[in-house]
C-alpha atoms as a PDB file:
ATOM      1  CA  MET A   1       0.000   0.000   0.000  1.00  0.00           C
ATOM      2  CA  ILE A   2       1.325   3.443  -0.921  1.00  0.00           C
ATOM      3  CA  GLY A   3       1.862   5.723   2.030  1.00  0.00           C
ATOM      4  CA  PRO A   4       0.964   9.418   2.209  1.00  0.00           C
ATOM      5  CA  VAL A   5       2.818  11.795  -0.090  1.00  0.00           C
ATOM      6  CA  ASP A   6       4.185  15.054   1.213  1.00  0.00           C
ATOM      7  CA  PRO A   7       2.204  17.832  -0.567  1.00  0.00           C
ATOM      8  CA  GLN A   8       5.439  19.741  -1.107  1.00  0.00           C
ATOM      9  CA  SER A   9       6.866  16.837  -3.120  1.00  0.00           C
ATOM     10  CA  ARG A  10       4.084  17.060  -5.690  1.00  0.00           C
ATOM     11  CA  ALA A  11       5.358  20.409  -6.939  1.00  0.00           C
ATOM     12  CA  GLY A  12       8.779  18.906  -7.503  1.00  0.00           C
ATOM     13  CA  ALA A  13       7.776  15.773  -9.414  1.00  0.00           C
ATOM     14  CA  VAL A  14      10.719  14.613 -11.514  1.00  0.00           C
ATOM     15  CA  LEU A  15       8.719  14.325 -14.738  1.00  0.00           C
ATOM     16  CA  ALA A  16       7.239  17.797 -14.271  1.00  0.00           C
ATOM     17  CA  GLU A  17      10.693  19.311 -13.757  1.00  0.00           C
ATOM     18  CA  GLU A  18      12.250  17.388 -16.633  1.00  0.00           C
ATOM     19  CA  ARG A  19       9.368  18.305 -18.936  1.00  0.00           C
ATOM     20  CA  SER A  20      10.096  21.969 -18.180  1.00  0.00           C
ATOM     21  CA  LEU A  21      13.807  21.445 -18.887  1.00  0.00           C
ATOM     22  CA  PHE A  22      12.920  19.717 -22.154  1.00  0.00           C
ATOM     23  CA  HIS A  23      10.861  22.734 -23.235  1.00  0.00           C
ATOM     24  CA  ALA A  24      13.553  25.128 -22.040  1.00  0.00           C
ATOM     25  CA  ALA A  25      16.091  23.380 -24.268  1.00  0.00           C
ATOM     26  CA  LEU A  26      13.811  23.793 -27.274  1.00  0.00           C
ATOM     27  CA  LEU A  27      13.403  27.488 -26.503  1.00  0.00           C
ATOM     28  CA  THR A  28      17.081  28.140 -25.809  1.00  0.00           C
ATOM     29  CA  GLY A  29      18.163  26.414 -28.996  1.00  0.00           C
ATOM     30  CA  ARG A  30      15.443  28.238 -30.965  1.00  0.00           C
ATOM     31  CA  THR A  31      13.888  24.980 -32.159  1.00  0.00           C
ATOM     32  CA  LEU A  32      10.691  26.544 -30.857  1.00  0.00           C
ATOM     33  CA  SER A  33      10.692  30.247 -31.648  1.00  0.00           C
ATOM     34  CA  VAL A  34       8.388  32.986 -32.925  1.00  0.00           C
ATOM     35  CA  ASN A  35       9.458  35.240 -35.789  1.00  0.00           C
ATOM     36  CA  ALA A  36       8.883  38.959 -36.187  1.00  0.00           C
ATOM     37  CA  ALA A  37       5.528  38.275 -37.848  1.00  0.00           C
ATOM     38  CA  GLY A  38       4.375  36.273 -34.844  1.00  0.00           C
ATOM     39  CA  VAL A  39       4.571  32.862 -36.533  1.00  0.00           C
ATOM     40  CA  ALA A  40       5.840  29.981 -34.399  1.00  0.00           C
ATOM     41  CA  SER A  41       8.564  27.777 -35.863  1.00  0.00           C
ATOM     42  CA  ASN A  42       6.426  24.620 -35.818  1.00  0.00           C
ATOM     43  CA  ALA A  43       3.506  26.288 -37.596  1.00  0.00           C
ATOM     44  CA  ASP A  44       2.460  25.881 -41.206  1.00  0.00           C
ATOM     45  CA  SER A  45       2.686  29.494 -42.390  1.00  0.00           C
ATOM     46  CA  SER A  46       0.153  28.782 -45.136  1.00  0.00           C
ATOM     47  CA  ASN A  47      -2.483  27.577 -42.664  1.00  0.00           C
ATOM     48  CA  ARG A  48      -4.156  30.137 -40.406  1.00  0.00           C
ATOM     49  CA  THR A  49      -5.382  27.554 -37.880  1.00  0.00           C
ATOM     50  CA  SER A  50      -1.955  25.928 -37.635  1.00  0.00           C
ATOM     51  CA  MET A  51      -0.389  29.337 -36.968  1.00  0.00           C
ATOM     52  CA  ALA A  52      -2.960  30.152 -34.258  1.00  0.00           C
ATOM     53  CA  ILE A  53      -2.560  26.818 -32.486  1.00  0.00           C
ATOM     54  CA  ALA A  54       1.243  26.887 -32.676  1.00  0.00           C
ATOM     55  CA  ARG A  55       1.395  30.465 -31.394  1.00  0.00           C
ATOM     56  CA  HIS A  56      -0.908  29.569 -28.497  1.00  0.00           C
ATOM     57  CA  ILE A  57       1.435  26.712 -27.528  1.00  0.00           C
ATOM     58  CA  ALA A  58       4.480  28.980 -27.856  1.00  0.00           C
ATOM     59  CA  ASP A  59       2.873  31.579 -25.605  1.00  0.00           C
ATOM     60  CA  ALA A  60       1.945  28.887 -23.066  1.00  0.00           C
ATOM     61  CA  LEU A  61       5.573  27.740 -23.013  1.00  0.00           C
ATOM     62  CA  LYS A  62       6.683  31.364 -22.642  1.00  0.00           C
ATOM     63  CA  VAL A  63       8.594  31.885 -25.854  1.00  0.00           C
ATOM     64  CA  GLU A  64       9.911  35.428 -25.530  1.00  0.00           C
ATOM     65  CA  THR A  65      12.734  35.919 -28.012  1.00  0.00           C
ATOM     66  CA  ALA A  66      11.808  36.523 -31.633  1.00  0.00           C
ATOM     67  CA  GLY A  67      13.827  34.548 -34.153  1.00  0.00           C
ATOM     68  CA  GLU A  68      13.575  33.118 -37.619  1.00  0.00           C
ATOM     69  CA  ARG A  69      12.798  29.462 -38.125  1.00  0.00           C
ATOM     70  CA  LEU A  70      15.837  27.161 -38.111  1.00  0.00           C
ATOM     71  CA  ALA A  71      16.590  25.143 -41.215  1.00  0.00           C
ATOM     72  CA  GLY A  72      14.544  21.957 -41.255  1.00  0.00           C
ATOM     73  CA  GLN A  73      17.488  19.621 -40.787  1.00  0.00           C
ATOM     74  CA  THR A  74      18.893  21.749 -37.963  1.00  0.00           C
ATOM     75  CA  ALA A  75      15.558  21.913 -36.146  1.00  0.00           C
ATOM     76  CA  GLY A  76      15.078  18.180 -36.575  1.00  0.00           C
ATOM     77  CA  GLY A  77      18.522  17.390 -35.186  1.00  0.00           C
ATOM     78  CA  ASP A  78      18.021  19.706 -32.217  1.00  0.00           C
ATOM     79  CA  PHE A  79      14.640  18.124 -31.496  1.00  0.00           C
ATOM     80  CA  GLU A  80      16.232  14.646 -31.552  1.00  0.00           C
ATOM     81  CA  ARG A  81      18.889  15.755 -29.067  1.00  0.00           C
ATOM     82  CA  ALA A  82      16.287  17.320 -26.769  1.00  0.00           C
ATOM     83  CA  CYS A  83      14.257  14.091 -26.822  1.00  0.00           C
ATOM     84  CA  THR A  84      17.395  12.026 -26.181  1.00  0.00           C
ATOM     85  CA  ASP A  85      18.415  14.212 -23.244  1.00  0.00           C
ATOM     86  CA  PHE A  86      14.911  14.067 -21.757  1.00  0.00           C
ATOM     87  CA  LEU A  87      14.823  10.264 -21.912  1.00  0.00           C
ATOM     88  CA  ALA A  88      18.408   9.932 -20.663  1.00  0.00           C
ATOM     89  CA  ARG A  89      17.487  11.993 -17.587  1.00  0.00           C
ATOM     90  CA  THR A  90      14.187  10.252 -16.868  1.00  0.00           C
ATOM     91  CA  PHE A  91      14.048   6.632 -17.997  1.00  0.00           C
ATOM     92  CA  PRO A  92      17.039   5.375 -15.935  1.00  0.00           C
ATOM     93  CA  ARG A  93      15.360   6.825 -12.834  1.00  0.00           C
ATOM     94  CA  LEU A  94      12.632   4.213 -13.232  1.00  0.00           C
ATOM     95  CA  GLY A  95      15.022   1.375 -12.437  1.00  0.00           C
ATOM     96  CA  HIS A  96      12.782   0.274  -9.568  1.00  0.00           C
ATOM     97  CA  LEU A  97      10.054  -0.348 -12.166  1.00  0.00           C
ATOM     98  CA  ARG A  98      12.266  -1.619 -14.991  1.00  0.00           C
ATOM     99  CA  PRO A  99      15.672  -2.805 -13.717  1.00  0.00           C
ATOM    100  CA  GLY A 100      18.579  -3.001 -16.101  1.00  0.00           C
ATOM    101  CA  ASP A 101      21.768  -1.408 -17.392  1.00  0.00           C
ATOM    102  CA  TRP A 102      20.246   1.073 -19.837  1.00  0.00           C
ATOM    103  CA  THR A 103      21.700   3.230 -22.603  1.00  0.00           C
ATOM    104  CA  VAL A 104      19.832   6.084 -24.309  1.00  0.00           C
ATOM    105  CA  ARG A 105      21.496   7.404 -27.443  1.00  0.00           C
ATOM    106  CA  THR A 106      20.965   9.316 -30.648  1.00  0.00           C
ATOM    107  CA  VAL A 107      21.812   7.102 -33.607  1.00  0.00           C
ATOM    108  CA  PRO A 108      24.291   8.515 -36.147  1.00  0.00           C
ATOM    109  CA  THR A 109      23.217   8.486 -39.773  1.00  0.00           C
ATOM    110  CA  ARG A 110      26.464   6.979 -41.050  1.00  0.00           C
ATOM    111  CA  GLY A 111      29.165   4.551 -39.999  1.00  0.00           C
ATOM    112  CA  ALA A 112      29.258   1.354 -37.996  1.00  0.00           C
ATOM    113  CA  GLU A 113      27.016   2.785 -35.282  1.00  0.00           C
ATOM    114  CA  ALA A 114      24.189   3.617 -37.694  1.00  0.00           C
ATOM    115  CA  GLY A 115      21.100   1.434 -37.925  1.00  0.00           C
ATOM    116  CA  VAL A 116      20.038  -1.347 -35.576  1.00  0.00           C
ATOM    117  CA  SER A 117      22.271  -4.248 -36.627  1.00  0.00           C
ATOM    118  CA  ARG A 118      24.436  -3.840 -33.505  1.00  0.00           C
ATOM    119  CA  TYR A 119      21.497  -5.009 -31.376  1.00  0.00           C
ATOM    120  CA  GLU A 120      20.697  -8.626 -30.598  1.00  0.00           C
ATOM    121  CA  GLN A 121      17.320  -8.823 -32.376  1.00  0.00           C
ATOM    122  CA  TYR A 122      18.753  -7.394 -35.612  1.00  0.00           C
ATOM    123  CA  GLY A 123      22.334  -8.688 -35.709  1.00  0.00           C
ATOM    124  CA  HIS A 124      21.502 -10.889 -38.698  1.00  0.00           C
ATOM    125  CA  LEU A 125      21.023  -7.754 -40.834  1.00  0.00           C
ATOM    126  CA  VAL A 126      24.826  -7.436 -41.017  1.00  0.00           C
ATOM    127  CA  ASP A 127      24.989 -10.702 -42.942  1.00  0.00           C
ATOM    128  CA  LEU A 128      22.089  -9.628 -45.123  1.00  0.00           C
ATOM    129  CA  ASP A 129      23.799  -6.356 -45.977  1.00  0.00           C
ATOM    130  CA  VAL A 130      26.996  -8.189 -46.920  1.00  0.00           C
ATOM    131  CA  ALA A 131      25.016 -10.549 -49.143  1.00  0.00           C
ATOM    132  CA  VAL A 132      23.243  -7.674 -50.870  1.00  0.00           C
ATOM    133  CA  THR A 133      26.537  -5.829 -51.404  1.00  0.00           C
ATOM    134  CA  GLU A 134      28.134  -8.887 -52.953  1.00  0.00           C
ATOM    135  CA  ASN A 135      25.095  -9.755 -55.047  1.00  0.00           C
ATOM    136  CA  PRO A 136      23.440  -6.625 -56.529  1.00  0.00           C
ATOM    137  CA  SER A 137      20.598  -8.713 -57.930  1.00  0.00           C
ATOM    138  CA  LEU A 138      19.428  -9.252 -54.353  1.00  0.00           C
ATOM    139  CA  ARG A 139      19.079  -5.490 -53.936  1.00  0.00           C
ATOM    140  CA  ALA A 140      16.657  -5.454 -56.844  1.00  0.00           C
ATOM    141  CA  VAL A 141      14.539  -8.004 -54.977  1.00  0.00           C
ATOM    142  CA  LEU A 142      14.871  -6.685 -51.415  1.00  0.00           C
ATOM    143  CA  GLY A 143      15.209  -2.959 -52.065  1.00  0.00           C
ATOM    144  CA  ASN A 144      15.805  -1.187 -48.753  1.00  0.00           C
ATOM    145  CA  ALA A 145      13.128  -3.073 -46.829  1.00  0.00           C
ATOM    146  CA  TYR A 146      15.729  -4.212 -44.300  1.00  0.00           C
ATOM    147  CA  ALA A 147      17.347  -0.776 -43.844  1.00  0.00           C
ATOM    148  CA  ILE A 148      16.359   0.706 -40.471  1.00  0.00           C
ATOM    149  CA  ALA A 149      17.846   4.025 -39.355  1.00  0.00           C
ATOM    150  CA  PRO A 150      16.162   5.194 -36.136  1.00  0.00           C
ATOM    151  CA  ASP A 151      16.620   8.592 -34.491  1.00  0.00           C
ATOM    152  CA  VAL A 152      16.883   7.610 -30.820  1.00  0.00           C
ATOM    153  CA  VAL A 153      17.205   4.169 -29.240  1.00  0.00           C
ATOM    154  CA  ILE A 154      17.139   2.722 -25.747  1.00  0.00           C
ATOM    155  CA  SER A 155      18.992  -0.527 -25.162  1.00  0.00           C
ATOM    156  CA  ARG A 156      19.717  -2.837 -22.271  1.00  0.00           C
ATOM    157  CA  ALA A 157      22.984  -4.648 -21.692  1.00  0.00           C
ATOM    158  CA  PRO A 158      22.740  -8.419 -21.267  1.00  0.00           C
ATOM    159  CA  VAL A 159      23.492  -9.606 -17.729  1.00  0.00           C
ATOM    160  CA  SER A 160      26.026 -11.979 -16.245  1.00  0.00           C
ATOM    161  CA  ASP A 161      25.149 -15.357 -14.792  1.00  0.00           C
ATOM    162  CA  GLU A 162      26.315 -14.030 -11.434  1.00  0.00           C
ATOM    163  CA  GLU A 163      23.586 -11.397 -11.532  1.00  0.00           C
ATOM    164  CA  ILE A 164      20.957 -13.864 -12.715  1.00  0.00           C
ATOM    165  CA  ASN A 165      21.935 -16.227  -9.905  1.00  0.00           C
ATOM    166  CA  SER A 166      22.257 -13.515  -7.249  1.00  0.00           C
ATOM    167  CA  THR A 167      19.305 -14.741  -5.168  1.00  0.00           C
ATOM    168  CA  GLU A 168      19.292 -18.436  -6.130  1.00  0.00           C
ATOM    169  CA  VAL A 169      20.793 -20.630  -8.840  1.00  0.00           C
ATOM    170  CA  ILE A 170      18.590 -19.944 -11.867  1.00  0.00           C
ATOM    171  CA  VAL A 171      20.941 -21.018 -14.665  1.00  0.00           C
ATOM    172  CA  ASP A 172      24.071 -23.099 -15.189  1.00  0.00           C
ATOM    173  CA  ASP A 173      26.137 -24.213 -18.173  1.00  0.00           C
ATOM    174  CA  ASP A 174      23.631 -26.895 -19.155  1.00  0.00           C
ATOM    175  CA  VAL A 175      20.382 -24.925 -19.397  1.00  0.00           C
ATOM    176  CA  ALA A 176      18.954 -21.796 -21.105  1.00  0.00           C
ATOM    177  CA  MET A 177      22.003 -21.396 -23.299  1.00  0.00           C
ATOM    178  CA  HIS A 178      20.142 -19.531 -26.049  1.00  0.00           C
ATOM    179  CA  ALA A 179      18.526 -16.863 -23.862  1.00  0.00           C
ATOM    180  CA  ALA A 180      19.270 -13.397 -25.246  1.00  0.00           C
ATOM    181  CA  ILE A 181      19.741 -11.823 -21.827  1.00  0.00           C
ATOM    182  CA  ARG A 182      22.702 -14.033 -20.815  1.00  0.00           C
ATOM    183  CA  SER A 183      25.954 -12.201 -21.542  1.00  0.00           C
ATOM    184  CA  ALA A 184      27.841 -15.468 -21.228  1.00  0.00           C
ATOM    185  CA  TYR A 185      26.299 -16.614 -24.504  1.00  0.00           C
ATOM    186  CA  GLN A 186      25.186 -13.401 -26.191  1.00  0.00           C
ATOM    187  CA  PRO A 187      27.130 -10.121 -25.784  1.00  0.00           C
ATOM    188  CA  ALA A 188      25.105  -7.738 -27.994  1.00  0.00           C
ATOM    189  CA  PRO A 189      22.853  -5.116 -26.360  1.00  0.00           C
ATOM    190  CA  LEU A 190      19.101  -5.738 -26.417  1.00  0.00           C
ATOM    191  CA  LEU A 191      17.080  -3.126 -28.283  1.00  0.00           C
ATOM    192  CA  HIS A 192      14.327  -1.933 -25.948  1.00  0.00           C
ATOM    193  CA  ALA A 193      12.845   1.076 -27.756  1.00  0.00           C
ATOM    194  CA  VAL A 194      13.066   2.961 -31.034  1.00  0.00           C
ATOM    195  CA  ILE A 195      11.965   6.600 -30.909  1.00  0.00           C
ATOM    196  CA  SER A 196      11.331   8.509 -34.130  1.00  0.00           C
ATOM    197  CA  CYS A 197      11.500  12.288 -33.622  1.00  0.00           C
ATOM    198  CA  LYS A 198       9.501  14.488 -36.017  1.00  0.00           C
ATOM    199  CA  TRP A 199       9.439  18.188 -35.151  1.00  0.00           C
ATOM    200  CA  THR A 200       6.678  18.690 -37.721  1.00  0.00           C
ATOM    201  CA  LEU A 201       4.648  16.380 -39.966  1.00  0.00           C
ATOM    202  CA  ARG A 202       4.328  18.457 -43.106  1.00  0.00           C
ATOM    203  CA  SER A 203       5.798  16.126 -45.698  1.00  0.00           C
ATOM    204  CA  ASP A 204       5.546  12.563 -46.881  1.00  0.00           C
ATOM    205  CA  ARG A 205       8.807  11.958 -45.016  1.00  0.00           C
ATOM    206  CA  ALA A 206       6.793  11.817 -41.800  1.00  0.00           C
ATOM    207  CA  GLN A 207       5.413   8.513 -43.032  1.00  0.00           C
ATOM    208  CA  ASN A 208       8.953   7.137 -42.923  1.00  0.00           C
ATOM    209  CA  ALA A 209       8.249   6.497 -39.241  1.00  0.00           C
ATOM    210  CA  ARG A 210       5.486   4.068 -40.172  1.00  0.00           C
ATOM    211  CA  SER A 211       7.635   2.335 -42.801  1.00  0.00           C
ATOM    212  CA  GLU A 212      10.477   2.053 -40.308  1.00  0.00           C
ATOM    213  CA  ALA A 213       8.112   0.535 -37.738  1.00  0.00           C
ATOM    214  CA  LEU A 214       6.967  -2.095 -40.219  1.00  0.00           C
ATOM    215  CA  ASN A 215      10.591  -2.911 -41.057  1.00  0.00           C
ATOM    216  CA  LEU A 216      11.362  -3.343 -37.351  1.00  0.00           C
ATOM    217  CA  ILE A 217       8.433  -5.740 -37.055  1.00  0.00           C
ATOM    218  CA  ARG A 218       9.257  -7.769 -40.156  1.00  0.00           C
ATOM    219  CA  ASN A 219      13.004  -8.035 -39.684  1.00  0.00           C
ATOM    220  CA  ARG A 220      13.354  -8.804 -36.001  1.00  0.00           C
ATOM    221  CA  LYS A 221      14.494 -12.085 -34.514  1.00  0.00           C
ATOM    222  CA  GLY A 222      13.151 -12.082 -30.998  1.00  0.00           C
ATOM    223  CA  ARG A 223      11.291  -9.489 -28.995  1.00  0.00           C
ATOM    224  CA  LEU A 224       9.936  -6.414 -30.761  1.00  0.00           C
ATOM    225  CA  PRO A 225      11.167  -3.158 -29.199  1.00  0.00           C
ATOM    226  CA  HIS A 226       8.806  -0.331 -28.332  1.00  0.00           C
ATOM    227  CA  VAL A 227       8.237   1.762 -31.484  1.00  0.00           C
ATOM    228  CA  VAL A 228       7.049   5.322 -30.844  1.00  0.00           C
ATOM    229  CA  VAL A 229       7.003   8.763 -32.460  1.00  0.00           C
ATOM    230  CA  VAL A 230       7.546  12.102 -30.703  1.00  0.00           C
ATOM    231  CA  THR A 231       6.377  15.210 -32.536  1.00  0.00           C
ATOM    232  CA  GLY A 232       5.929  18.956 -32.141  1.00  0.00           C
ATOM    233  CA  GLU A 233       3.298  19.162 -34.898  1.00  0.00           C
ATOM    234  CA  PRO A 234       0.412  21.509 -33.966  1.00  0.00           C
ATOM    235  CA  GLY A 235      -2.156  20.231 -36.488  1.00  0.00           C
ATOM    236  CA  PRO A 236      -4.504  17.462 -35.240  1.00  0.00           C
ATOM    237  CA  VAL A 237      -5.187  16.219 -38.780  1.00  0.00           C
ATOM    238  CA  ARG A 238      -1.496  15.795 -39.516  1.00  0.00           C
ATOM    239  CA  ILE A 239      -0.895  14.146 -36.159  1.00  0.00           C
ATOM    240  CA  SER A 240      -3.704  11.712 -36.933  1.00  0.00           C
ATOM    241  CA  SER A 241      -1.888  10.585 -40.082  1.00  0.00           C
ATOM    242  CA  LEU A 242       0.491   8.717 -37.761  1.00  0.00           C
ATOM    243  CA  ALA A 243      -1.529   8.333 -34.572  1.00  0.00           C
ATOM    244  CA  LEU A 244      -4.590   6.637 -36.002  1.00  0.00           C
ATOM    245  CA  GLY A 245      -4.443   2.940 -36.729  1.00  0.00           C
ATOM    246  CA  THR A 246      -2.680   0.119 -34.910  1.00  0.00           C
ATOM    247  CA  GLY A 247      -0.216  -2.619 -35.699  1.00  0.00           C
ATOM    248  CA  ASP A 248       2.943  -0.616 -36.355  1.00  0.00           C
ATOM    249  CA  ILE A 249       3.552   2.360 -34.046  1.00  0.00           C
ATOM    250  CA  ASP A 250       2.875   1.895 -30.333  1.00  0.00           C
ATOM    251  CA  CYS A 251       1.760   5.474 -29.832  1.00  0.00           C
ATOM    252  CA  VAL A 252       2.496   9.078 -30.824  1.00  0.00           C
ATOM    253  CA  TYR A 253       3.734  11.446 -28.100  1.00  0.00           C
ATOM    254  CA  HIS A 254       3.321  15.212 -28.367  1.00  0.00           C
ATOM    255  CA  PHE A 255       5.952  17.549 -26.985  1.00  0.00           C
ATOM    256  CA  ALA A 256       3.264  19.653 -25.267  1.00  0.00           C
ATOM    257  CA  LEU A 257      -0.072  17.824 -25.232  1.00  0.00           C
ATOM    258  CA  PRO A 258      -1.962  19.795 -22.519  1.00  0.00           C
ATOM    259  CA  GLU A 259      -0.914  23.011 -24.251  1.00  0.00           C
ATOM    260  CA  LEU A 260      -2.040  21.581 -27.594  1.00  0.00           C
ATOM    261  CA  VAL A 261      -5.451  20.654 -26.165  1.00  0.00           C
ATOM    262  CA  ALA A 262      -5.925  24.183 -24.793  1.00  0.00           C
ATOM    263  CA  ALA A 263      -4.843  25.702 -28.119  1.00  0.00           C
ATOM    264  CA  VAL A 264      -7.199  23.529 -30.164  1.00  0.00           C
ATOM    265  CA  ASP A 265     -10.058  24.280 -27.765  1.00  0.00           C
ATOM    266  CA  GLU A 266      -9.570  27.982 -28.448  1.00  0.00           C
ATOM    267  CA  HIS A 267      -8.525  28.078 -32.095  1.00  0.00           C
ATOM    268  CA  GLY A 268      -9.571  24.794 -33.689  1.00  0.00           C
ATOM    269  CA  GLY A 269     -12.889  23.872 -35.197  1.00  0.00           C
ATOM    270  CA  GLU A 270     -15.262  21.257 -33.835  1.00  0.00           C
ATOM    271  CA  ASP A 271     -13.778  18.618 -36.121  1.00  0.00           C
ATOM    272  CA  SER A 272     -10.275  19.286 -34.798  1.00  0.00           C
ATOM    273  CA  ARG A 273     -11.430  19.122 -31.198  1.00  0.00           C
ATOM    274  CA  GLU A 274     -13.245  15.849 -31.789  1.00  0.00           C
ATOM    275  CA  LEU A 275     -10.291  14.357 -33.651  1.00  0.00           C
ATOM    276  CA  LEU A 276      -7.868  15.337 -30.902  1.00  0.00           C
ATOM    277  CA  ALA A 277     -10.165  13.932 -28.213  1.00  0.00           C
ATOM    278  CA  MET A 278     -10.549  10.683 -30.172  1.00  0.00           C
ATOM    279  CA  MET A 279      -6.780  10.214 -30.422  1.00  0.00           C
ATOM    280  CA  ILE A 280      -6.277  10.882 -26.713  1.00  0.00           C
ATOM    281  CA  GLU A 281      -9.194   8.782 -25.507  1.00  0.00           C
ATOM    282  CA  GLY A 282      -8.202   6.022 -27.925  1.00  0.00           C
ATOM    283  CA  LYS A 283      -4.694   5.906 -26.388  1.00  0.00           C
ATOM    284  CA  ARG A 284      -3.071   6.894 -29.669  1.00  0.00           C
ATOM    285  CA  LEU A 285      -1.733  10.284 -28.536  1.00  0.00           C
ATOM    286  CA  LYS A 286      -0.031  11.093 -25.239  1.00  0.00           C
ATOM    287  CA  ASP A 287       2.255  13.718 -23.727  1.00  0.00           C
ATOM    288  CA  ILE A 288       6.050  13.517 -23.728  1.00  0.00           C
ATOM    289  CA  ALA A 289       5.924  13.093 -19.930  1.00  0.00           C
ATOM    290  CA  ASP A 290       4.020   9.812 -20.381  1.00  0.00           C
ATOM    291  CA  LEU A 291       6.768   8.310 -22.524  1.00  0.00           C
ATOM    292  CA  PRO A 292       9.335   7.256 -19.870  1.00  0.00           C
ATOM    293  CA  LEU A 293       6.646   5.488 -17.843  1.00  0.00           C
ATOM    294  CA  ASP A 294       5.228   3.733 -20.899  1.00  0.00           C
ATOM    295  CA  LEU A 295       8.717   2.527 -21.790  1.00  0.00           C
ATOM    296  CA  ALA A 296       8.990   0.978 -18.330  1.00  0.00           C
ATOM    297  CA  VAL A 297       6.169  -1.453 -19.159  1.00  0.00           C
END
């Protein structure tokens, strides 16, 4: 049974503080900014409703310094780093709910550290890539269906037999020799979560997150990692393009969901309000603060 909570501790909840730091990083780095014309950097400047909703969110988050929108690639990279930092500060603090030796990292786009083949469930993709390189005709058949390049990943290190047997003898050299979690037989990290970061959703490239999710599902050997999307998109219709439907993405997380709800209530039409409510009530759209706890499941 949970004991009483000091009322003073509620104001200092870790996720509330870290959510504020996450937003502060976006403001400081000008990922979220408002230009001289009053247009927020995540708004669609050709859509009046998008501009109104985005500006309402910016005001709620106390954007004060005017600045021009960052280049798309720069804003996207900064958003990835902010998401990585938020998860790196929060998820490991849930070790009492989800024990393990965890790593949260942004995945480089090139080199040996790119992709997911370094992780246990996808190690076989190295051999597949070699085969495709040596036999170009295979590329014509497979295309890039096996290529997976996530933005942010969370992984767990496999554990020693000493740790597994710390309370009683669970394993020995004659049993469970193919279990992925045993470092004695399998040294690769275990991929726990793949987080796709999309500052906005105003191009077909946003659907890459769905294609990537399907590739993760089809190409895994073993347990499927969590597959989620974090976005700063202010438009409910565009958010729904990823949030609605099941089978690929676990859930979409908004960088400022309560602020989005308030903005849509004031500036959106009835259809937008109903769509937003449907996504939230249908457990397809949540706030960034929900993400660390959901990843602990």
